[in-house]
């Protein structure tokens, strides 16, 4: 015989939820969310997307061909009517699919066109920003060069003056060598 097991604790009873009739769509949505959030661990069933309706394809082999002969029974009219309705449905579906495909192609073309326009605008603005950036860099370089020239004017003037002195001394030396030239000119 099996040993007597310990008695199980009693299960907690769920309190019955009061019946609430939603008065609006928002209240219905709120109630659904509350019900979902009572047990957040529970998975939520998400229905899959239903496939679009498509008409039954036409039969490959038609067994009872309707003729236009007189004397067809009165029951044949109903069969003819159903076949005609089914064929019209199929043609309407094909027309709708062709229209949808045409609209999709137009939409894709429009997207491409808009994308190209946006890229052109972006490229134009990029070039403009680049020009401004280069202009700023050039102005900065010019400013730095001016500051360097302002800081080193003495050195550059000394260089210029020393170069002028060297040229003057060379000219004087050349003049001293020329004995034919008078040292002063009369009558001027």
Protein backbone atom coordinates (compact mmCIF):
# COMPACT_ATOMS: atom_id res chain seq x y z
CA UNK A 1 0.00 0.00 0.00
CA UNK A 2 1.09 3.49 -0.68
CA UNK A 3 1.94 5.76 2.15
CA UNK A 4 -0.58 8.45 2.87
CA UNK A 5 0.56 11.72 1.34
CA UNK A 6 0.30 15.14 2.83
CA UNK A 7 -3.00 16.85 2.12
CA UNK A 8 -2.88 19.39 -0.67
CA UNK A 9 -3.48 23.02 0.15
CA UNK A 10 -6.78 24.26 -1.20
CA UNK A 11 -6.62 26.08 -4.50
CA UNK A 12 -7.32 29.78 -4.34
CA UNK A 13 -10.65 30.47 -5.92
CA UNK A 14 -10.83 33.06 -8.62
CA UNK A 15 -13.21 35.81 -7.88
CA UNK A 16 -15.80 36.09 -10.61
CA UNK A 17 -15.21 39.14 -12.71
CA UNK A 18 -18.15 41.50 -12.89
CA UNK A 19 -19.86 41.67 -16.25
CA UNK A 20 -18.95 44.97 -17.89
CA UNK A 21 -20.54 45.98 -21.12
CA UNK A 22 -18.31 48.39 -23.01
CA UNK A 23 -20.02 51.57 -24.11
CA UNK A 24 -17.41 52.66 -26.63
CA UNK A 25 -14.60 51.25 -28.71
CA UNK A 26 -12.02 52.82 -26.39
CA UNK A 27 -13.58 51.14 -23.36
CA UNK A 28 -13.63 47.81 -25.18
CA UNK A 29 -9.94 48.23 -26.02
CA UNK A 30 -9.19 49.08 -22.37
CA UNK A 31 -11.00 45.96 -21.16
CA UNK A 32 -9.10 43.75 -23.60
CA UNK A 33 -5.78 45.22 -22.48
CA UNK A 34 -6.67 44.69 -18.83
CA UNK A 35 -7.54 41.06 -19.54
CA UNK A 36 -4.22 40.58 -21.38
CA UNK A 37 -2.21 42.23 -18.60
CA UNK A 38 -3.70 40.02 -15.86
CA UNK A 39 -1.27 37.31 -16.94
CA UNK A 40 1.63 38.87 -18.86
CA UNK A 41 3.45 35.51 -19.11
CA UNK A 42 0.72 34.06 -21.28
CA UNK A 43 1.38 34.23 -25.02
CA UNK A 44 -0.98 36.28 -27.10
CA UNK A 45 -2.37 34.62 -30.21
CA UNK A 46 -1.74 36.83 -33.22
CA UNK A 47 -3.79 35.74 -36.21
CA UNK A 48 -1.90 35.30 -39.44
CA UNK A 49 -2.70 37.45 -42.42
CA UNK A 50 -5.43 35.93 -44.47
CA UNK A 51 -4.58 35.23 -48.06
CA UNK A 52 -6.38 37.33 -50.61
CA UNK A 53 -9.38 35.78 -52.17
CA UNK A 54 -8.68 34.32 -55.58
CA UNK A 55 -11.27 32.85 -57.89
CA UNK A 56 -11.22 29.22 -58.73
CA UNK A 57 -9.22 28.71 -61.91
CA UNK A 58 -11.21 27.75 -64.98
CA UNK A 59 -11.50 24.02 -65.51
CA UNK A 60 -9.00 22.45 -67.87
CA UNK A 61 -11.59 20.19 -69.42
CA UNK A 62 -15.22 21.21 -69.72
CA UNK A 63 -17.44 18.16 -69.79
CA UNK A 64 -20.90 19.60 -70.29
CA UNK A 65 -20.53 22.24 -72.94
CA UNK A 66 -23.56 24.42 -73.34
CA UNK A 67 -24.72 24.88 -76.83
CA UNK A 68 -26.89 27.59 -78.24
CA UNK A 69 -29.36 25.11 -79.58
CA UNK A 70 -33.01 25.54 -78.94
CA UNK A 71 -34.59 23.14 -76.60
CA UNK A 72 -32.21 23.44 -73.69
CA UNK A 73 -33.99 22.51 -70.51
CA UNK A 74 -35.12 25.07 -67.99
CA UNK A 75 -32.56 23.73 -65.47
CA UNK A 76 -29.70 24.62 -67.80
CA UNK A 77 -30.30 28.32 -67.32
CA UNK A 78 -29.24 28.16 -63.65
CA UNK A 79 -26.05 26.28 -64.56
CA UNK A 80 -25.31 28.84 -67.25
CA UNK A 81 -25.99 31.70 -64.84
CA UNK A 82 -23.54 30.31 -62.24
CA UNK A 83 -20.86 29.73 -64.86
CA UNK A 84 -21.32 33.25 -66.20
CA UNK A 85 -21.17 34.76 -62.70
CA UNK A 86 -18.00 32.81 -61.91
CA UNK A 87 -16.36 33.92 -65.17
CA UNK A 88 -17.27 37.58 -64.56
CA UNK A 89 -15.82 37.30 -61.06
CA UNK A 90 -12.61 35.84 -62.47
CA UNK A 91 -12.33 38.62 -65.06
CA UNK A 92 -13.01 41.31 -62.45
CA UNK A 93 -10.34 39.78 -60.21
CA UNK A 94 -7.82 39.75 -63.07
CA UNK A 95 -8.64 43.40 -63.88
CA UNK A 96 -8.27 44.38 -60.22
CA UNK A 97 -4.91 42.58 -59.98
CA UNK A 98 -3.68 44.28 -63.16
CA UNK A 99 -4.77 47.67 -61.78
CA UNK A 100 -3.06 46.94 -58.47
CA UNK A 101 0.12 45.93 -60.27
CA UNK A 102 0.02 49.09 -62.39
CA UNK A 103 -0.46 51.24 -59.29
CA UNK A 104 2.42 49.46 -57.55
CA UNK A 105 4.69 50.10 -60.53
CA UNK A 106 3.67 53.78 -60.62
CA UNK A 107 4.32 54.03 -56.89
CA UNK A 108 7.78 52.47 -57.27
CA UNK A 109 8.59 54.87 -60.13
CA UNK A 110 7.42 57.80 -58.03
CA UNK A 111 9.57 56.60 -55.12
CA UNK A 112 12.61 56.34 -57.40
CA UNK A 113 11.94 59.79 -58.85
CA UNK A 114 11.56 61.29 -55.36
CA UNK A 115 14.73 59.52 -54.24
CA UNK A 116 16.67 60.92 -57.19
CA UNK A 117 15.35 64.45 -56.52
CA UNK A 118 16.27 64.12 -52.84
CA UNK A 119 19.77 62.89 -53.75
CA UNK A 120 20.25 65.79 -56.16
CA UNK A 121 19.14 68.26 -53.49
CA UNK A 122 21.43 66.62 -50.96
CA UNK A 123 24.36 66.73 -53.36
CA UNK A 124 23.67 70.37 -54.15
CA UNK A 125 23.53 71.28 -50.47
CA UNK A 126 26.67 69.19 -49.82
CA UNK A 127 28.55 71.13 -52.52
CA UNK A 128 27.33 74.41 -51.03
CA UNK A 129 28.45 73.38 -47.53
CA UNK A 130 31.80 72.26 -48.92
CA UNK A 131 32.28 75.62 -50.67
CA UNK A 132 31.49 77.49 -47.47
CA UNK A 133 33.86 75.25 -45.54
CA UNK A 134 36.67 75.83 -48.04
CA UNK A 135 35.97 79.57 -47.97
CA UNK A 136 36.21 79.59 -44.18
CA UNK A 137 39.43 77.58 -44.28
CA UNK A 138 40.91 79.99 -46.85
CA UNK A 139 39.89 83.01 -44.75
CA UNK A 140 41.45 81.38 -41.70
CA UNK A 141 44.70 80.75 -43.59
CA UNK A 142 44.76 84.33 -44.84
CA UNK A 143 44.15 85.61 -41.32
CA UNK A 144 46.98 83.47 -39.94
CA UNK A 145 49.33 84.72 -42.68
CA UNK A 146 48.42 88.32 -41.86
CA UNK A 147 49.11 87.72 -38.17
CA UNK A 148 52.47 86.18 -39.03
CA UNK A 149 53.33 89.19 -41.18
CA UNK A 150 52.26 91.55 -38.40
CA UNK A 151 54.33 89.66 -35.81
CA UNK A 152 57.42 89.46 -38.02
CA UNK A 153 57.46 92.81 -39.82
CA UNK A 154 60.77 93.79 -38.23
CA UNK A 155 62.44 90.61 -39.45
CA UNK A 156 61.04 90.94 -42.93
CA UNK A 157 61.94 94.66 -43.06
CA UNK A 158 65.42 93.90 -41.79
CA UNK A 159 65.77 91.29 -44.50
CA UNK A 160 64.50 93.73 -47.13
CA UNK A 161 66.74 96.52 -45.81
CA UNK A 162 69.77 94.23 -45.59
CA UNK A 163 69.14 93.12 -49.16
CA UNK A 164 68.89 96.79 -50.25
CA UNK A 165 72.10 97.60 -48.36
CA UNK A 166 73.88 94.75 -50.09
CA UNK A 167 72.69 95.99 -53.48
CA UNK A 168 73.75 99.59 -52.66
CA UNK A 169 77.20 98.48 -51.52
CA UNK A 170 77.62 96.46 -54.70
CA UNK A 171 76.65 99.48 -56.83
CA UNK A 172 79.04 101.71 -54.89
CA UNK A 173 81.84 99.26 -55.40
CA UNK A 174 81.13 99.20 -59.12
CA UNK A 175 81.07 103.01 -59.24
CA UNK A 176 84.37 103.26 -57.42
CA UNK A 177 85.88 101.00 -60.00
CA UNK A 178 84.74 103.27 -62.80
CA UNK A 179 87.29 106.13 -62.85
CA UNK A 180 85.79 107.74 -65.92
CA UNK A 181 82.61 108.88 -64.22
CA UNK A 182 82.85 112.35 -62.63
CA UNK A 183 82.05 112.60 -58.97
CA UNK A 184 79.81 115.59 -59.54
CA UNK A 185 77.90 117.01 -62.50
CA UNK A 186 77.94 120.75 -63.35
CA UNK A 187 75.16 122.72 -64.99
CA UNK A 188 72.20 121.01 -63.76
